[in-house]
Amino acid sequence: MQTSMIAAIYKNFLGHAPDWYKKTIIAFLIVNPFIFMVDPYIAGWTLVIQFIFTLAMALKCYPLQPGGLLLIEAMFIGMTSPGHMMHEIEVNLEVLLLLVFMVAGIYFMKDLLMFLFTKLVIKVRNKLILSLSFIFASAFLSAFLDALTVVAVIISVGLGFYSIYHKVASGKEFHSDHDHTSDDELGSHDLEDFRAFLRNLMMHSAVGTALGGVMTMVGEPQNLIIADKAGWDFVEFFIRMAPVTLPVFVFGLLTTVVLEKTGTFSYGAKLPSAVRQILVDYNDHMDKGRSKRETAKLVVQALIGIWLIVGLATHMASVGLIGLSVIVLATSMSGVIEEHALGKAFEEALPFTALLCVFFGVVAVIIDQGLFQPVIHWVLSFEGETQMVMFYLANGVLSMVSDNVFVGSVYITEVTAALEAGQITRDQYDMLAVAINTGTNLPSVATPNGQAAFLFLLTSAIAPLLRLSYGRMVMMALPYTIVLTIVGLVATYIGLADATQVLYDMHLIEHHTAVEAGAQVVGH
């Protein structure tokens, strides 16, 4: 029976995505203009919820296509403009350059990463110690590097481990070509257990980026904006955040211990002995067969790694430009000179970069339709410790559904305006800045929407291999979300004001004058 043109177009639409998913997206596209004509504010929130739905269904269909269609329609009906979306992209250019160049740079350092992490996984047999090592390393690195860079490293390592086991379990040699996305040749329980083990390490590491990223002004983009507005340097930022961030860090590690000991929320998965043996054999094989040239590559990559950390920690250049320098150094010193060999490094980053641009378009809709304005004005109506708590909670809730960078930058701008208008004192302002920073960084681990690093993990090549869906990420992040949010809330309400006064008395920090705040935001 011959297929009609309309049927052919429908079959091509979103490819092999489930039929119900296609019909849902079509329904969204049909109803949105009518909702916008009735009430633009409701239409704005409807679009945000629909975009979250496309993220939640990332394993059914990559969110770029359905999310992009929704955004294109939103622009045509007037929910935002291409000019505003372009502005949001421009102020986030550093984040985009980071993705394009830093993730590609990490690709060319995967030999060193596999060498180091294979040793770690083989030597540390205790799963609890291994999990704590991953979360602590992610937190430490995220305090100085961007969380996306750290997650890119962890993804690269996880993919390496998965492909090695999959290749050997399929009867291939270590250096054979192999498609590790196909499970046709495998029927082993070890594969499922190994997936669960890697999911545990991925999620511990992702949470670690939040624990470390909240502590310093370079940990997350919004931290930099808040520090810029408040006139804080690196040391002052760390000290002012410490009354909240240090207790949260300790309880974050304790949560890891409890989860691994109890095996709840899908944690506690052990590395199967057969998989460990394959990794041990791979390690021995690589050590014995490593030539002088390959050893030289590892040494050079280690030196480049030192340059990467020093360059990012001292802000010698934009993160993206340092990533570009890593590509140039790593490829030139490893003999990678063909264009097609370079191209493979960008395959992982570019789809997510495009998706992030669509996300910035949705942020433009949020701004143009004033979706957060009622919440901001309501929170400013409170006073004292209650006001700090409400700022913390409001930032946290909004960061779960939107980008925490956007939420943080909007709130600190509003609070700066309140300071300039004389509605709050400078000391109040400094306390609210702490509440905004911790509020956007901690509760936002609840969903992949809030943190770009979580979203990157969800849409990366490793997520479908490990069966790491949106729902599973939310479920596995839930205990961390509860603990980090509550500990941060209690520390803000009970300890922040008194601890800050102690810091003033010890002259570790000094009182600022009102005119010091209000520097212009240079990006978000």
Protein backbone atom coordinates (compact mmCIF):
# COMPACT_ATOMS: atom_id res chain seq x y z
CA MET A 1 0.00 0.00 0.00
CA GLN A 2 1.44 3.34 -1.07
CA THR A 3 2.12 5.87 1.70
CA SER A 4 0.54 9.31 1.26
CA MET A 5 2.69 12.44 1.39
CA ILE A 6 1.13 13.56 4.70
CA ALA A 7 1.75 10.14 6.25
CA ALA A 8 5.35 10.22 4.99
CA ILE A 9 5.92 13.68 6.51
CA TYR A 10 4.45 12.49 9.83
CA LYS A 11 6.70 9.41 9.85
CA ASN A 12 9.74 11.60 9.20
CA PHE A 13 8.72 14.03 11.97
CA LEU A 14 10.97 13.30 14.99
CA GLY A 15 12.03 10.01 13.40
CA HIS A 16 11.55 6.88 15.51
CA ALA A 17 10.30 8.73 18.61
CA PRO A 18 7.15 7.06 20.04
CA ASP A 19 3.89 7.97 18.36
CA TRP A 20 2.42 9.37 21.60
CA TYR A 21 5.45 11.66 21.96
CA LYS A 22 5.03 13.05 18.42
CA LYS A 23 1.33 13.74 19.02
CA THR A 24 2.13 15.44 22.34
CA ILE A 25 4.60 17.85 20.70
CA ILE A 26 2.12 18.59 17.89
CA ALA A 27 -0.57 19.29 20.52
CA PHE A 28 1.81 21.71 22.30
CA LEU A 29 2.44 23.57 19.04
CA ILE A 30 -1.31 23.83 18.34
CA VAL A 31 -2.46 25.08 21.77
CA ASN A 32 0.36 27.53 22.59
CA PRO A 33 -0.76 30.41 20.30
CA PHE A 34 -4.30 30.24 21.71
CA ILE A 35 -3.05 30.25 25.33
CA PHE A 36 -0.82 33.24 24.49
CA MET A 37 -3.80 35.15 23.06
CA VAL A 38 -5.77 34.54 26.29
CA ASP A 39 -2.97 35.15 28.86
CA PRO A 40 0.74 35.67 27.95
CA TYR A 41 1.85 34.99 31.54
CA ILE A 42 0.19 31.55 31.62
CA ALA A 43 1.52 30.88 28.10
CA GLY A 44 5.04 31.64 29.34
CA TRP A 45 4.81 29.14 32.21
CA THR A 46 3.19 26.60 29.84
CA LEU A 47 6.20 26.88 27.52
CA VAL A 48 8.63 26.40 30.44
CA ILE A 49 6.75 23.25 31.55
CA GLN A 50 6.70 21.94 27.97
CA PHE A 51 10.44 22.52 27.63
CA ILE A 52 11.01 20.64 30.90
CA PHE A 53 8.91 17.80 29.44
CA THR A 54 11.25 17.59 26.41
CA LEU A 55 14.22 17.38 28.80
CA ALA A 56 12.50 14.68 30.84
CA MET A 57 11.96 12.64 27.66
CA ALA A 58 15.59 13.05 26.50
CA LEU A 59 15.98 9.28 26.01
CA LYS A 60 12.92 9.19 23.74
CA CYS A 61 14.08 12.14 21.62
CA TYR A 62 17.00 14.55 22.01
CA PRO A 63 15.47 17.80 23.41
CA LEU A 64 17.04 20.08 20.78
CA GLN A 65 14.45 19.28 18.09
CA PRO A 66 11.15 19.46 20.05
CA GLY A 67 12.45 22.24 22.30
CA GLY A 68 13.67 24.16 19.27
CA LEU A 69 10.29 23.86 17.55
CA LEU A 70 8.52 25.20 20.64
CA LEU A 71 10.94 28.14 20.83
CA ILE A 72 10.64 29.00 17.13
CA GLU A 73 6.86 29.13 17.50
CA ALA A 74 7.19 31.22 20.68
CA MET A 75 9.20 33.79 18.72
CA PHE A 76 6.70 33.90 15.88
CA ILE A 77 3.77 34.55 18.22
CA GLY A 78 5.68 37.24 20.14
CA MET A 79 6.64 35.60 23.47
CA THR A 80 10.20 36.83 22.92
CA SER A 81 12.36 38.12 20.07
CA PRO A 82 15.42 36.79 18.20
CA GLY A 83 17.23 39.93 19.37
CA HIS A 84 16.62 39.11 23.04
CA MET A 85 17.65 35.49 22.53
CA MET A 86 20.83 36.71 20.85
CA HIS A 87 21.49 38.97 23.84
CA GLU A 88 21.14 36.01 26.22
CA ILE A 89 23.55 34.00 24.05
CA GLU A 90 26.03 36.90 23.97
CA VAL A 91 26.13 37.29 27.76
CA ASN A 92 26.58 33.51 28.04
CA LEU A 93 29.25 33.33 25.35
CA GLU A 94 31.88 32.19 27.85
CA VAL A 95 29.70 29.21 28.82
CA LEU A 96 29.26 28.26 25.15
CA LEU A 97 32.97 28.59 24.40
CA LEU A 98 33.65 26.52 27.49
CA LEU A 99 31.43 23.75 26.13
CA VAL A 100 32.81 23.81 22.60
CA PHE A 101 36.51 24.00 23.44
CA MET A 102 36.91 22.62 26.95
CA VAL A 103 34.94 19.42 26.32
CA ALA A 104 36.92 18.89 23.10
CA GLY A 105 40.14 19.58 25.01
CA ILE A 106 39.25 16.92 27.58
CA TYR A 107 38.77 14.46 24.69
CA PHE A 108 42.45 14.82 23.78
CA MET A 109 43.48 14.14 27.38
CA LYS A 110 41.46 10.94 27.75
CA ASP A 111 44.60 8.72 27.72
CA LEU A 112 45.85 10.37 30.92
CA LEU A 113 42.37 10.35 32.49
CA MET A 114 41.89 6.64 31.75
CA PHE A 115 45.37 5.92 33.13
CA LEU A 116 44.68 7.73 36.43
CA PHE A 117 41.09 6.63 37.01
CA THR A 118 41.74 3.00 36.02
CA LYS A 119 44.43 2.90 38.72
CA LEU A 120 41.99 4.46 41.20
CA VAL A 121 39.14 2.03 40.48
CA ILE A 122 41.46 -1.00 40.55
CA LYS A 123 43.38 -0.03 43.69
CA VAL A 124 40.38 1.12 45.77
CA ARG A 125 38.28 -2.00 46.26
CA ASN A 126 36.00 -0.47 48.90
CA LYS A 127 32.99 1.05 47.08
CA LEU A 128 32.32 3.57 49.87
CA ILE A 129 35.90 4.90 49.78
CA LEU A 130 35.75 5.00 45.98
CA SER A 131 32.45 6.95 46.02
CA LEU A 132 33.83 9.43 48.57
CA SER A 133 36.96 9.81 46.44
CA PHE A 134 34.87 10.67 43.37
CA ILE A 135 32.59 13.14 45.17
CA PHE A 136 35.51 14.80 47.01
CA ALA A 137 37.61 15.07 43.83
CA SER A 138 34.64 16.53 41.92
CA ALA A 139 33.96 19.04 44.70
CA PHE A 140 37.60 20.12 44.95
CA LEU A 141 37.99 20.52 41.18
CA SER A 142 34.65 22.34 40.86
CA ALA A 143 35.78 24.93 43.41
CA PHE A 144 38.47 26.02 40.93
CA LEU A 145 37.26 24.77 37.56
CA ASP A 146 33.84 24.98 35.97
CA ALA A 147 31.44 22.17 36.86
CA LEU A 148 30.93 21.39 33.16
CA THR A 149 34.66 20.73 32.78
CA VAL A 150 34.63 18.34 35.73
CA VAL A 151 31.53 16.49 34.47
CA ALA A 152 33.13 16.23 31.01
CA VAL A 153 36.12 14.51 32.65
CA ILE A 154 33.89 12.07 34.55
CA ILE A 155 31.82 11.30 31.43
CA SER A 156 35.01 10.63 29.45
CA VAL A 157 36.24 8.23 32.15
CA GLY A 158 32.88 6.46 32.44
CA LEU A 159 32.64 6.01 28.67
CA GLY A 160 36.16 4.61 28.64
CA PHE A 161 35.38 2.02 31.31
CA TYR A 162 32.09 1.05 29.67
CA SER A 163 33.60 0.63 26.20
CA ILE A 164 36.49 -1.50 27.53
CA TYR A 165 34.20 -3.94 29.31
CA HIS A 166 31.66 -4.02 26.48
CA LYS A 167 34.38 -4.73 23.94
CA VAL A 168 35.93 -7.62 25.91
CA ALA A 169 32.54 -9.07 26.89
CA SER A 170 31.67 -9.10 23.19
CA GLY A 171 34.73 -11.26 22.46
CA LYS A 172 36.92 -8.51 21.01
CA GLU A 173 40.49 -7.47 21.78
CA PHE A 174 41.26 -4.22 23.64
CA HIS A 175 42.31 -2.41 20.46
CA SER A 176 39.57 -3.80 18.18
CA ASP A 177 36.96 -1.54 16.62
CA HIS A 178 33.64 -2.04 18.38
CA ASP A 179 30.16 -0.52 18.67
CA HIS A 180 29.54 -0.34 22.43
CA THR A 181 25.99 0.97 21.92
CA SER A 182 24.74 -2.43 20.72
CA ASP A 183 23.97 -5.12 23.31
CA ASP A 184 23.05 -7.83 20.81
CA GLU A 185 26.06 -9.96 21.74
CA LEU A 186 25.63 -9.53 25.51
CA GLY A 187 23.23 -11.22 27.86
CA SER A 188 25.22 -10.97 31.08
CA HIS A 189 23.96 -9.76 34.45
CA ASP A 190 27.40 -8.22 34.88
CA LEU A 191 26.52 -5.55 32.32
CA GLU A 192 23.49 -4.38 34.33
CA ASP A 193 25.49 -4.43 37.56
CA PHE A 194 28.29 -2.48 35.90
CA ARG A 195 25.79 0.09 34.60
CA ALA A 196 24.43 0.53 38.13
CA PHE A 197 27.99 0.92 39.48
CA LEU A 198 28.84 3.60 36.91
CA ARG A 199 25.49 5.38 37.49
CA ASN A 200 26.41 5.63 41.17
CA LEU A 201 29.79 7.20 40.41
CA MET A 202 28.31 9.58 37.82
CA MET A 203 25.67 10.88 40.24
CA HIS A 204 28.07 11.17 43.19
CA SER A 205 30.41 13.16 40.97
CA ALA A 206 27.63 15.41 39.64
CA VAL A 207 26.51 16.23 43.19
CA GLY A 208 30.16 16.84 44.09
CA THR A 209 30.32 19.60 41.47
CA ALA A 210 27.46 21.37 43.29
CA LEU A 211 29.08 20.94 46.72
CA GLY A 212 32.35 22.44 45.51
CA GLY A 213 30.89 24.91 43.04
CA VAL A 214 28.91 26.81 45.71
CA MET A 215 32.03 27.58 47.77
CA THR A 216 34.05 29.89 45.54
CA MET A 217 33.40 32.80 43.20
CA VAL A 218 34.69 30.78 40.23
CA GLY A 219 32.69 27.61 40.98
CA GLU A 220 29.57 28.66 39.04
CA PRO A 221 28.89 31.56 36.64
CA GLN A 222 26.30 33.16 38.97
CA ASN A 223 28.86 33.15 41.81
CA LEU A 224 31.03 35.43 39.69
CA ILE A 225 28.09 37.78 39.07
CA ILE A 226 27.22 37.92 42.78
CA ALA A 227 30.85 38.56 43.75
CA ASP A 228 31.09 41.27 41.09
CA LYS A 229 27.92 43.01 42.31
CA ALA A 230 28.96 42.80 45.98
CA GLY A 231 32.59 43.78 45.41
CA TRP A 232 33.99 40.60 47.03
CA ASP A 233 37.32 39.01 46.12
CA PHE A 234 38.04 35.26 46.03
CA VAL A 235 38.95 34.94 49.73
CA GLU A 236 36.08 37.10 51.03
CA PHE A 237 33.57 35.15 48.93
CA PHE A 238 34.77 31.84 50.38
CA ILE A 239 34.72 33.16 53.98
CA ARG A 240 31.24 34.71 53.70
CA MET A 241 29.79 31.49 52.22
CA ALA A 242 31.56 29.21 54.74
CA PRO A 243 28.87 29.34 57.51
CA VAL A 244 26.51 27.67 55.05
CA THR A 245 28.74 25.81 52.57
CA LEU A 246 31.01 23.97 55.05
CA PRO A 247 28.16 22.30 57.01
CA VAL A 248 26.48 21.44 53.70
CA PHE A 249 29.70 19.86 52.41
CA VAL A 250 30.07 17.70 55.54
CA PHE A 251 26.44 16.55 55.40
CA GLY A 252 26.79 15.91 51.67
CA LEU A 253 29.63 13.46 52.35
CA LEU A 254 27.63 11.86 55.21
CA THR A 255 24.73 11.40 52.77
CA THR A 256 27.08 9.52 50.44
CA VAL A 257 28.10 7.24 53.33
CA VAL A 258 24.46 6.51 54.27
CA LEU A 259 23.40 5.87 50.66
CA GLU A 260 26.28 3.48 50.00
CA LYS A 261 25.83 1.66 53.32
CA THR A 262 22.05 1.24 53.01
CA GLY A 263 21.89 0.73 49.23
CA THR A 264 18.79 2.95 48.97
CA PHE A 265 17.86 5.11 45.95
CA SER A 266 19.74 2.69 43.63
CA TYR A 267 23.10 3.31 45.33
CA GLY A 268 25.45 0.70 46.78
CA ALA A 269 26.04 -1.13 43.47
CA LYS A 270 29.32 -3.06 43.51
CA LEU A 271 31.80 -3.48 40.68
CA PRO A 272 31.28 -7.07 39.41
CA SER A 273 34.39 -9.22 39.87
CA ALA A 274 34.39 -10.19 36.17
CA VAL A 275 34.40 -6.50 35.18
CA ARG A 276 37.15 -5.70 37.69
CA GLN A 277 39.25 -8.48 36.19
CA ILE A 278 38.76 -7.06 32.70
CA LEU A 279 39.88 -3.62 33.93
CA VAL A 280 42.89 -5.18 35.68
CA ASP A 281 43.79 -7.04 32.47
CA TYR A 282 43.35 -3.83 30.47
CA ASN A 283 45.60 -1.95 32.90
CA ASP A 284 48.29 -4.66 32.70
CA HIS A 285 47.97 -4.80 28.91
CA MET A 286 48.41 -1.03 28.61
CA ASP A 287 51.32 -0.92 31.08
CA LYS A 288 53.23 -3.72 29.32
CA GLY A 289 52.56 -2.51 25.79
CA ARG A 290 53.16 1.21 26.42
CA SER A 291 55.85 2.55 24.09
CA LYS A 292 58.17 5.49 24.75
CA ARG A 293 56.00 7.68 22.51
CA GLU A 294 52.84 6.73 24.44
CA THR A 295 54.60 7.40 27.75
CA ALA A 296 55.69 10.76 26.39
CA LYS A 297 52.03 11.50 25.54
CA LEU A 298 51.00 10.82 29.15
CA VAL A 299 53.77 13.08 30.48
CA VAL A 300 52.79 15.90 28.12
CA GLN A 301 49.10 15.49 28.97
CA ALA A 302 49.95 15.67 32.69
CA LEU A 303 51.82 18.95 32.08
CA ILE A 304 48.86 20.27 30.07
CA GLY A 305 46.59 19.24 32.97
CA ILE A 306 48.70 21.34 35.34
CA TRP A 307 48.45 24.27 32.92
CA LEU A 308 44.67 23.77 32.77
CA ILE A 309 44.24 23.93 36.56
CA VAL A 310 46.65 26.85 37.05
CA GLY A 311 45.18 28.79 34.11
CA LEU A 312 41.59 28.37 35.33
CA ALA A 313 42.34 28.96 39.01
CA THR A 314 44.24 32.20 38.31
CA HIS A 315 41.87 33.40 35.54
CA MET A 316 44.65 33.92 33.02
CA ALA A 317 42.03 33.92 30.27
CA SER A 318 38.39 33.06 29.58
CA VAL A 319 37.58 29.40 30.32
CA GLY A 320 36.78 28.73 26.66
CA LEU A 321 40.09 30.20 25.50
CA ILE A 322 42.02 28.05 27.98
CA GLY A 323 40.13 25.07 26.56
CA LEU A 324 41.20 26.12 23.07
CA SER A 325 44.81 26.27 24.26
CA VAL A 326 44.44 22.71 25.63
CA ILE A 327 43.27 21.52 22.19
CA VAL A 328 46.22 23.19 20.46
CA LEU A 329 48.81 21.92 22.96
CA ALA A 330 47.41 18.38 23.30
CA THR A 331 46.97 17.78 19.56
CA SER A 332 50.27 19.30 18.47
CA MET A 333 52.21 17.31 21.09
CA SER A 334 50.35 14.07 20.36
CA GLY A 335 50.66 14.18 16.57
CA VAL A 336 46.95 14.67 15.86
CA ILE A 337 47.09 16.84 12.76
CA GLU A 338 44.30 15.62 10.42
CA GLU A 339 41.04 17.54 10.30
CA HIS A 340 38.85 14.43 10.59
CA ALA A 341 40.77 13.35 13.71
CA LEU A 342 40.02 16.74 15.28
CA GLY A 343 36.35 16.55 14.35
CA LYS A 344 35.60 13.57 16.61
CA ALA A 345 36.38 15.66 19.68
CA PHE A 346 33.54 18.06 18.94
CA GLU A 347 30.80 15.44 18.44
CA GLU A 348 29.92 15.32 22.15
CA ALA A 349 29.83 19.08 22.82
CA LEU A 350 28.10 20.63 19.81
CA PRO A 351 24.62 19.07 20.17
CA PHE A 352 24.51 20.23 23.79
CA THR A 353 25.81 23.67 22.79
CA ALA A 354 22.91 24.00 20.34
CA LEU A 355 20.47 22.81 23.05
CA LEU A 356 21.88 25.39 25.47
CA CYS A 357 21.23 28.15 22.91
CA VAL A 358 17.58 27.01 22.77
CA PHE A 359 17.55 27.09 26.57
CA PHE A 360 18.74 30.71 26.51
CA GLY A 361 15.82 31.43 24.19
CA VAL A 362 13.46 30.02 26.84
CA VAL A 363 15.22 32.22 29.42
CA ALA A 364 14.45 35.20 27.16
CA VAL A 365 10.75 34.18 27.28
CA ILE A 366 10.93 34.00 31.09
CA ILE A 367 12.32 37.55 31.20
CA ASP A 368 9.99 39.06 28.58
CA GLN A 369 6.88 37.57 30.16
CA GLY A 370 8.01 38.50 33.71
CA LEU A 371 7.46 34.97 35.01
CA PHE A 372 9.56 35.46 38.16
CA GLN A 373 8.57 39.06 39.00
CA PRO A 374 5.67 38.21 41.38
CA VAL A 375 7.92 35.88 43.40
CA ILE A 376 10.72 38.47 43.61
CA HIS A 377 8.42 41.23 44.88
CA TRP A 378 6.77 38.87 47.37
CA VAL A 379 10.11 37.77 48.84
CA LEU A 380 11.31 41.37 49.23
CA SER A 381 8.27 42.05 51.45
CA PHE A 382 9.78 39.93 54.29
CA GLU A 383 12.34 41.12 56.86
CA GLY A 384 15.29 39.81 58.93
CA GLU A 385 16.16 36.11 59.05
CA THR A 386 12.79 35.28 57.49
CA GLN A 387 13.74 37.37 54.45
CA MET A 388 17.03 35.43 54.09
CA VAL A 389 15.20 32.11 54.35
CA MET A 390 12.58 33.17 51.81
CA PHE A 391 15.29 34.31 49.40
CA TYR A 392 17.05 30.97 49.83
CA LEU A 393 13.84 28.99 49.22
CA ALA A 394 12.60 31.15 46.34
CA ASN A 395 15.93 30.89 44.56
CA GLY A 396 15.98 27.15 45.20
CA VAL A 397 12.50 26.48 43.84
CA LEU A 398 12.98 28.64 40.75
CA SER A 399 16.42 27.09 40.12
CA MET A 400 14.80 23.65 39.99
CA VAL A 401 12.72 24.66 36.96
CA SER A 402 15.00 27.23 35.36
CA ASP A 403 18.72 27.88 34.96
CA ASN A 404 20.34 28.68 38.32
CA VAL A 405 22.65 31.18 36.61
CA PHE A 406 19.65 33.15 35.33
CA VAL A 407 17.84 32.98 38.68
CA GLY A 408 20.91 34.11 40.62
CA SER A 409 21.64 37.02 38.28
CA VAL A 410 17.99 38.21 38.33
CA TYR A 411 17.79 38.13 42.13
CA ILE A 412 21.13 39.83 42.83
CA THR A 413 20.18 42.56 40.34
CA GLU A 414 16.85 43.13 42.15
CA VAL A 415 18.54 43.18 45.57
CA THR A 416 21.17 45.63 44.31
CA ALA A 417 18.36 47.89 43.10
CA ALA A 418 16.73 47.63 46.56
CA LEU A 419 20.03 48.63 48.20
CA GLU A 420 20.45 51.61 45.88
CA ALA A 421 16.86 52.67 46.65
CA GLY A 422 17.60 52.56 50.39
CA GLN A 423 15.17 49.70 51.11
CA ILE A 424 17.86 47.55 52.77
CA THR A 425 21.19 48.17 54.52
CA ARG A 426 24.55 47.09 53.12
CA ASP A 427 24.93 44.40 55.80
CA GLN A 428 21.49 43.03 54.88
CA TYR A 429 22.57 43.07 51.25
CA ASP A 430 25.66 40.97 51.99
CA MET A 431 23.58 38.41 53.89
CA LEU A 432 21.01 38.22 51.09
CA ALA A 433 23.84 37.71 48.57
CA VAL A 434 24.92 34.62 50.55
CA ALA A 435 21.30 33.37 50.61
CA ILE A 436 20.96 33.91 46.84
CA ASN A 437 24.22 32.10 46.05
CA THR A 438 23.53 29.08 48.25
CA GLY A 439 19.86 29.02 47.22
CA THR A 440 20.66 28.81 43.52
CA ASN A 441 23.45 26.23 43.93
CA LEU A 442 22.11 23.70 46.44
CA PRO A 443 18.38 22.92 45.89
CA SER A 444 18.97 23.09 42.11
CA VAL A 445 20.49 19.57 42.20
CA ALA A 446 16.87 18.36 42.31
CA THR A 447 16.52 18.31 38.52
CA PRO A 448 18.79 18.50 35.46
CA ASN A 449 17.13 21.85 34.62
CA GLY A 450 18.81 23.76 37.41
CA GLN A 451 22.45 22.93 36.75
CA ALA A 452 24.06 22.87 33.32
CA ALA A 453 26.42 20.12 34.49
CA PHE A 454 23.47 17.82 35.31
CA LEU A 455 21.81 18.66 32.00
CA PHE A 456 25.06 17.91 30.18
CA LEU A 457 25.26 14.51 31.88
CA LEU A 458 21.62 13.73 31.00
CA THR A 459 22.09 14.55 27.30
CA SER A 460 25.59 13.05 26.96
CA ALA A 461 26.46 9.86 25.09
CA ILE A 462 26.88 7.93 28.34
CA ALA A 463 23.34 8.54 29.68
CA PRO A 464 21.52 6.11 27.34
CA LEU A 465 24.30 3.52 27.76
CA LEU A 466 23.84 3.58 31.55
CA ARG A 467 20.02 3.93 31.27
CA LEU A 468 20.35 7.24 33.13
CA SER A 469 17.01 8.90 32.35
CA TYR A 470 15.60 12.21 33.60
CA GLY A 471 13.38 10.42 36.12
CA ARG A 472 16.20 8.23 37.38
CA MET A 473 18.47 11.28 37.80
CA VAL A 474 15.78 13.07 39.81
CA MET A 475 15.23 9.97 41.96
CA MET A 476 18.95 9.42 42.61
CA ALA A 477 19.46 13.13 43.37
CA LEU A 478 16.46 13.23 45.75
CA PRO A 479 18.27 12.28 49.00
CA TYR A 480 21.01 14.81 48.23
CA THR A 481 18.38 17.43 47.36
CA ILE A 482 16.60 16.94 50.70
CA VAL A 483 19.77 16.94 52.82
CA LEU A 484 21.56 19.83 51.06
CA THR A 485 18.42 21.98 50.98
CA ILE A 486 17.54 21.44 54.66
CA VAL A 487 21.10 21.83 55.97
CA GLY A 488 21.55 24.98 53.86
CA LEU A 489 18.21 26.32 55.10
CA VAL A 490 18.99 25.67 58.77
CA ALA A 491 22.49 27.15 58.44
CA THR A 492 21.02 30.25 56.78
CA TYR A 493 18.27 30.72 59.38
CA ILE A 494 20.14 29.83 62.58
CA GLY A 495 23.85 30.29 61.99
CA LEU A 496 24.49 32.77 59.17
CA ALA A 497 23.86 36.06 61.02
CA ASP A 498 25.77 35.06 64.18
CA ALA A 499 28.64 33.43 62.26
CA THR A 500 28.98 36.49 60.03
CA GLN A 501 29.15 38.74 63.12
CA VAL A 502 31.93 36.53 64.52
CA LEU A 503 33.79 36.86 61.22
CA TYR A 504 33.44 40.67 61.47
CA ASP A 505 34.71 40.62 65.08
CA MET A 506 37.73 38.52 64.04
CA HIS A 507 38.37 40.98 61.16
CA LEU A 508 38.36 38.12 58.63
CA ILE A 509 35.84 40.25 56.72
CA GLU A 510 35.00 43.95 56.95
CA HIS A 511 31.78 45.94 56.64
CA HIS A 512 31.18 47.43 53.19
CA THR A 513 29.57 50.73 52.33
CA ALA A 514 26.46 50.84 50.16
CA VAL A 515 28.24 52.56 47.26
CA GLU A 516 30.55 49.56 46.78
CA ALA A 517 27.69 47.43 45.44
CA GLY A 518 26.06 47.74 42.07
CA ALA A 519 28.84 46.98 39.64
CA GLN A 520 27.50 46.18 36.19
CA VAL A 521 26.91 42.54 35.34
CA VAL A 522 29.27 41.45 32.61
CA GLY A 523 27.66 38.08 31.86
CA HIS A 524 25.57 35.36 33.40
